[in-house]
Amino acid sequence: MTEKAVIITGAAGGIGRATSIAAARAGYAVMLVDRNEAGIVETAQMVTEAGGKAVIATADVSKSDDVQAYVAKALESFGRIDGLFNNAGILGAGKLMIDLDEADFDRVVAINLKGVFLGLKYVLPVMLQQGSGSIVNTGSMTSTGGIPYLTAYGATKYGVISLTKTAALEVAKSGVRVNAVLPGNIKTKMALNSVPAASLEEAEKIVGASVPQGHMGVPEDIAAAVIFLFSDGAKHITGIELPVDGGITAQVYPALNQ
């Protein structure tokens, strides 16, 4: 693939960084978007080392002006947008629903749900004019069921699926596709730091035990799925949610897998 370009939000680390590097190796020029400027500068260096071209945009995905600015910069830099990985997100406070502050709920909704909406709102017109493009939104295993203490996060990830399916249907005849990837327990700082454990190694063992495959996934597992959904190999796939979770969402009684 030459002369193709993608935007990846939440690119300062974790899944976003791994997908940025994978996109570069697949031949895409990459626009890296995150609030963490130092993080996306590091990712840009990794993309360059992987043989790719990277442009950075510091942005808060919950702000319309910031989203419009990164879209404009991508068009100025590349002349087109072939893919968007609508990935930026936060976990939020781990509290019971009745103890969750309204401000915390609003913050998670603003980034995880409104941020995805704004990405769709401002990138889709570009792709519709091109007559081609692929958007992948980041859902979660919590897009399929509730998890205690993650009220706001779970609510937003359910909402991402509705946005995905609605957008996919609205543009289905245009040559533009919209899908979602559902990460399970992936080895990122966000996931490991959310587990009460004496060390990250202990946290990984605890979380890995809940996965039917017996271990956590890695960011590169999600990256591979996203690059596939960007590709022509997925040209007849739209409106789906693709779990990449080692079997978590396939199970009914997790204890039977121990």
Protein backbone atom coordinates (compact mmCIF):
# COMPACT_ATOMS: atom_id res chain seq x y z
CA MET A 1 0.00 0.00 0.00
CA THR A 2 1.37 3.39 -1.00
CA GLU A 3 0.03 6.91 -0.58
CA LYS A 4 -2.52 5.72 1.98
CA ALA A 5 -2.91 7.42 5.34
CA VAL A 6 -4.59 6.68 8.67
CA ILE A 7 -5.35 8.58 11.86
CA ILE A 8 -4.86 6.85 15.20
CA THR A 9 -6.14 8.46 18.40
CA GLY A 10 -4.81 7.51 21.80
CA ALA A 11 -1.47 6.96 20.06
CA ALA A 12 0.82 7.88 22.97
CA GLY A 13 1.00 4.31 24.28
CA GLY A 14 -0.58 0.89 24.65
CA ILE A 15 -2.93 -0.24 21.88
CA GLY A 16 -2.69 3.07 20.03
CA ARG A 17 1.10 2.94 19.89
CA ALA A 18 1.18 -0.71 18.80
CA THR A 19 -1.36 -0.01 16.05
CA SER A 20 0.60 3.03 14.85
CA ILE A 21 3.71 0.89 14.42
CA ALA A 22 1.72 -1.90 12.74
CA ALA A 23 0.14 0.62 10.36
CA ALA A 24 3.57 1.95 9.40
CA ARG A 25 4.81 -1.58 8.71
CA ALA A 26 1.72 -2.15 6.55
CA GLY A 27 2.66 0.84 4.42
CA TYR A 28 0.42 3.59 5.80
CA ALA A 29 1.45 7.12 6.64
CA VAL A 30 0.19 7.79 10.16
CA MET A 31 -1.32 10.76 11.96
CA LEU A 32 -0.75 10.29 15.71
CA VAL A 33 -3.31 11.96 17.97
CA ASP A 34 -3.20 12.22 21.77
CA ARG A 35 -3.31 14.76 24.61
CA ASN A 36 0.10 13.46 25.72
CA GLU A 37 2.50 15.26 23.38
CA ALA A 38 5.63 13.63 24.81
CA GLY A 39 4.04 10.22 24.30
CA ILE A 40 3.15 10.77 20.65
CA VAL A 41 6.61 12.16 19.95
CA GLU A 42 8.00 8.85 21.24
CA THR A 43 5.50 6.91 19.13
CA ALA A 44 6.45 8.99 16.08
CA GLN A 45 10.07 7.98 16.55
CA MET A 46 9.05 4.31 16.69
CA VAL A 47 6.96 4.71 13.54
CA THR A 48 9.94 6.27 11.76
CA GLU A 49 12.18 3.43 12.92
CA ALA A 50 9.61 1.00 11.48
CA GLY A 51 10.05 2.67 8.11
CA GLY A 52 6.92 4.80 8.22
CA LYS A 53 5.95 8.45 8.05
CA ALA A 54 4.37 10.05 11.11
CA VAL A 55 2.73 13.39 11.77
CA ILE A 56 1.60 14.33 15.28
CA ALA A 57 -1.39 16.30 16.53
CA THR A 58 -1.90 17.11 20.19
CA ALA A 59 -5.64 17.04 20.76
CA ASP A 60 -8.41 16.38 23.25
CA VAL A 61 -10.80 14.12 21.35
CA SER A 62 -13.75 15.35 23.42
CA LYS A 63 -13.39 18.86 21.97
CA SER A 64 -14.90 19.56 18.57
CA ASP A 65 -12.30 22.21 17.64
CA ASP A 66 -9.43 19.82 18.42
CA VAL A 67 -10.96 17.02 16.34
CA GLN A 68 -11.58 19.33 13.37
CA ALA A 69 -7.98 20.55 13.69
CA TYR A 70 -6.46 17.05 13.56
CA VAL A 71 -8.63 16.14 10.58
CA ALA A 72 -7.55 19.30 8.77
CA LYS A 73 -3.89 18.60 9.58
CA ALA A 74 -4.20 15.05 8.26
CA LEU A 75 -5.65 16.33 4.99
CA GLU A 76 -2.95 19.00 4.74
CA SER A 77 -0.24 16.40 5.40
CA PHE A 78 -1.54 13.47 3.36
CA GLY A 79 -4.27 14.77 1.06
CA ARG A 80 -6.59 11.94 2.09
CA ILE A 81 -7.74 9.82 5.04
CA ASP A 82 -8.04 6.08 4.35
CA GLY A 83 -8.47 4.91 7.93
CA LEU A 84 -9.36 6.16 11.39
CA PHE A 85 -8.69 4.15 14.53
CA ASN A 86 -11.04 5.90 16.95
CA ASN A 87 -9.19 4.54 19.96
CA ALA A 88 -8.64 7.20 22.64
CA GLY A 89 -10.26 6.27 25.93
CA ILE A 90 -9.94 6.23 29.70
CA LEU A 91 -11.03 3.73 32.35
CA GLY A 92 -12.34 6.21 34.89
CA ALA A 93 -12.79 5.77 38.63
CA GLY A 94 -13.32 2.21 39.85
CA LYS A 95 -16.30 2.74 42.13
CA LEU A 96 -19.71 1.31 42.81
CA MET A 97 -22.37 3.01 40.73
CA ILE A 98 -23.92 4.64 43.79
CA ASP A 99 -20.54 6.09 44.82
CA LEU A 100 -19.50 7.38 41.39
CA ASP A 101 -19.24 11.16 41.16
CA GLU A 102 -21.23 12.79 38.39
CA ALA A 103 -18.13 14.66 37.24
CA ASP A 104 -16.21 11.38 36.85
CA PHE A 105 -19.07 9.90 34.82
CA ASP A 106 -19.20 12.95 32.55
CA ARG A 107 -15.43 12.86 31.96
CA VAL A 108 -15.47 9.23 30.82
CA VAL A 109 -18.48 9.83 28.58
CA ALA A 110 -16.83 12.90 27.04
CA ILE A 111 -13.68 11.02 26.00
CA ASN A 112 -14.89 7.48 25.35
CA LEU A 113 -18.23 8.21 23.69
CA LYS A 114 -18.34 11.83 22.54
CA GLY A 115 -14.76 11.48 21.29
CA VAL A 116 -15.77 8.56 19.09
CA PHE A 117 -18.83 10.48 17.85
CA LEU A 118 -16.72 13.52 16.94
CA GLY A 119 -14.19 11.35 15.11
CA LEU A 120 -17.00 9.84 13.05
CA LYS A 121 -18.66 13.20 12.48
CA TYR A 122 -15.60 14.90 11.04
CA VAL A 123 -13.79 12.03 9.30
CA LEU A 124 -16.78 10.44 7.59
CA PRO A 125 -17.41 13.44 5.28
CA VAL A 126 -13.83 13.17 4.01
CA MET A 127 -14.23 9.47 3.31
CA LEU A 128 -17.64 9.94 1.71
CA GLN A 129 -16.14 12.46 -0.68
CA GLN A 130 -13.34 9.99 -1.50
CA GLY A 131 -15.81 7.13 -1.88
CA SER A 132 -13.64 4.93 0.32
CA GLY A 133 -12.29 4.52 3.82
CA SER A 134 -12.43 2.36 6.93
CA ILE A 135 -13.10 3.44 10.51
CA VAL A 136 -12.43 1.16 13.47
CA ASN A 137 -13.80 2.18 16.86
CA THR A 138 -12.47 0.76 20.11
CA GLY A 139 -15.16 -0.97 22.14
CA SER A 140 -14.37 -3.45 24.90
CA MET A 141 -15.38 -6.78 26.35
CA THR A 142 -17.61 -4.52 28.47
CA SER A 143 -19.50 -3.74 25.25
CA THR A 144 -21.14 -7.14 25.72
CA GLY A 145 -21.80 -7.24 29.47
CA GLY A 146 -21.50 -5.37 32.72
CA ILE A 147 -18.47 -5.30 34.99
CA PRO A 148 -18.89 -4.04 38.56
CA TYR A 149 -17.08 -0.81 39.43
CA LEU A 150 -16.84 0.26 35.76
CA THR A 151 -20.19 1.99 35.38
CA ALA A 152 -19.15 4.86 33.12
CA TYR A 153 -16.61 2.87 31.13
CA GLY A 154 -19.07 0.06 30.41
CA ALA A 155 -21.85 2.48 29.48
CA THR A 156 -19.62 4.26 26.97
CA LYS A 157 -18.37 1.04 25.43
CA TYR A 158 -21.95 -0.14 24.89
CA GLY A 159 -22.60 3.23 23.27
CA VAL A 160 -19.63 2.81 20.94
CA ILE A 161 -21.28 -0.26 19.44
CA SER A 162 -24.47 1.68 18.71
CA LEU A 163 -22.46 4.47 17.07
CA THR A 164 -20.55 1.88 15.04
CA LYS A 165 -23.61 0.07 13.72
CA THR A 166 -25.55 3.26 13.03
CA ALA A 167 -22.69 4.85 11.11
CA ALA A 168 -22.01 1.63 9.19
CA LEU A 169 -25.60 1.49 7.99
CA GLU A 170 -25.76 5.16 7.12
CA VAL A 171 -22.72 4.94 4.81
CA ALA A 172 -23.02 1.31 3.70
CA LYS A 173 -23.51 2.09 -0.01
CA SER A 174 -20.73 4.66 -0.17
CA GLY A 175 -17.65 2.44 -0.10
CA VAL A 176 -16.92 3.48 3.48
CA ARG A 177 -16.90 0.87 6.26
CA VAL A 178 -17.26 1.24 10.04
CA ASN A 179 -16.45 -1.52 12.51
CA ALA A 180 -15.46 -1.95 16.14
CA VAL A 181 -12.79 -4.03 17.82
CA LEU A 182 -13.43 -5.32 21.34
CA PRO A 183 -10.24 -5.76 23.36
CA GLY A 184 -10.37 -8.15 26.28
CA ASN A 185 -7.76 -8.22 29.04
CA ILE A 186 -4.84 -6.65 27.21
CA LYS A 187 -1.44 -6.12 28.81
CA THR A 188 -1.41 -2.34 29.12
CA LYS A 189 -0.60 -0.04 32.03
CA MET A 190 -4.25 1.01 32.20
CA ALA A 191 -5.42 -2.58 32.60
CA LEU A 192 -2.73 -3.74 35.02
CA ASN A 193 -2.89 -0.66 37.22
CA SER A 194 -6.62 -1.21 37.73
CA VAL A 195 -6.00 -4.50 39.57
CA PRO A 196 -5.26 -4.47 43.32
CA ALA A 197 -2.03 -6.43 43.44
CA ALA A 198 1.43 -6.18 44.99
CA SER A 199 3.13 -5.90 41.58
CA LEU A 200 2.38 -5.68 37.89
CA GLU A 201 3.54 -9.29 37.53
CA GLU A 202 1.03 -10.43 40.13
CA ALA A 203 -1.69 -8.35 38.47
CA GLU A 204 -0.93 -10.03 35.15
CA LYS A 205 -1.29 -13.49 36.70
CA ILE A 206 -4.59 -12.56 38.35
CA VAL A 207 -6.07 -11.07 35.18
CA GLY A 208 -4.66 -13.77 32.92
CA ALA A 209 -6.42 -16.44 34.98
CA SER A 210 -9.78 -15.01 33.88
CA VAL A 211 -9.01 -15.56 30.19
CA PRO A 212 -10.00 -18.93 28.68
CA GLN A 213 -6.69 -19.03 26.79
CA GLY A 214 -4.95 -18.65 30.16
CA HIS A 215 -3.08 -15.39 29.56
CA MET A 216 -3.59 -11.73 28.78
CA GLY A 217 -3.43 -10.46 25.25
CA VAL A 218 -0.91 -7.88 24.09
CA PRO A 219 -1.50 -4.58 22.25
CA GLU A 220 -0.15 -6.11 19.05
CA ASP A 221 -3.11 -8.53 19.03
CA ILE A 222 -5.50 -5.59 18.74
CA ALA A 223 -3.26 -3.86 16.22
CA ALA A 224 -3.40 -6.88 13.91
CA ALA A 225 -7.19 -6.87 14.00
CA VAL A 226 -7.36 -3.15 13.24
CA ILE A 227 -4.97 -3.40 10.30
CA PHE A 228 -7.07 -6.24 8.90
CA LEU A 229 -10.25 -4.18 9.21
CA PHE A 230 -8.49 -1.30 7.44
CA SER A 231 -7.46 -3.57 4.58
CA ASP A 232 -9.18 -4.62 1.37
CA GLY A 233 -9.32 -8.11 2.85
CA ALA A 234 -12.18 -6.79 4.98
CA LYS A 235 -13.95 -4.96 2.14
CA HIS A 236 -17.23 -6.86 2.72
CA ILE A 237 -17.16 -6.42 6.50
CA THR A 238 -19.00 -3.50 8.07
CA GLY A 239 -21.02 -2.88 11.20
CA ILE A 240 -19.43 -5.67 13.25
CA GLU A 241 -17.89 -5.84 16.70
CA LEU A 242 -14.82 -8.08 16.65
CA PRO A 243 -13.77 -9.49 20.04
CA VAL A 244 -10.02 -9.96 20.49
CA ASP A 245 -10.17 -11.35 23.99
CA GLY A 246 -8.87 -14.91 24.24
CA GLY A 247 -12.43 -16.22 24.56
CA ILE A 248 -13.70 -14.02 27.40
CA THR A 249 -16.94 -12.98 25.71
CA ALA A 250 -17.59 -16.56 24.56
CA GLN A 251 -17.99 -17.88 28.08
CA VAL A 252 -21.04 -18.06 30.34
CA TYR A 253 -19.55 -19.55 33.53
CA PRO A 254 -15.93 -18.38 33.83
CA ALA A 255 -15.25 -20.57 36.88
CA LEU A 256 -15.60 -23.70 34.71
CA ASN A 257 -12.52 -22.62 32.75
CA GLN A 258 -10.23 -22.44 35.77
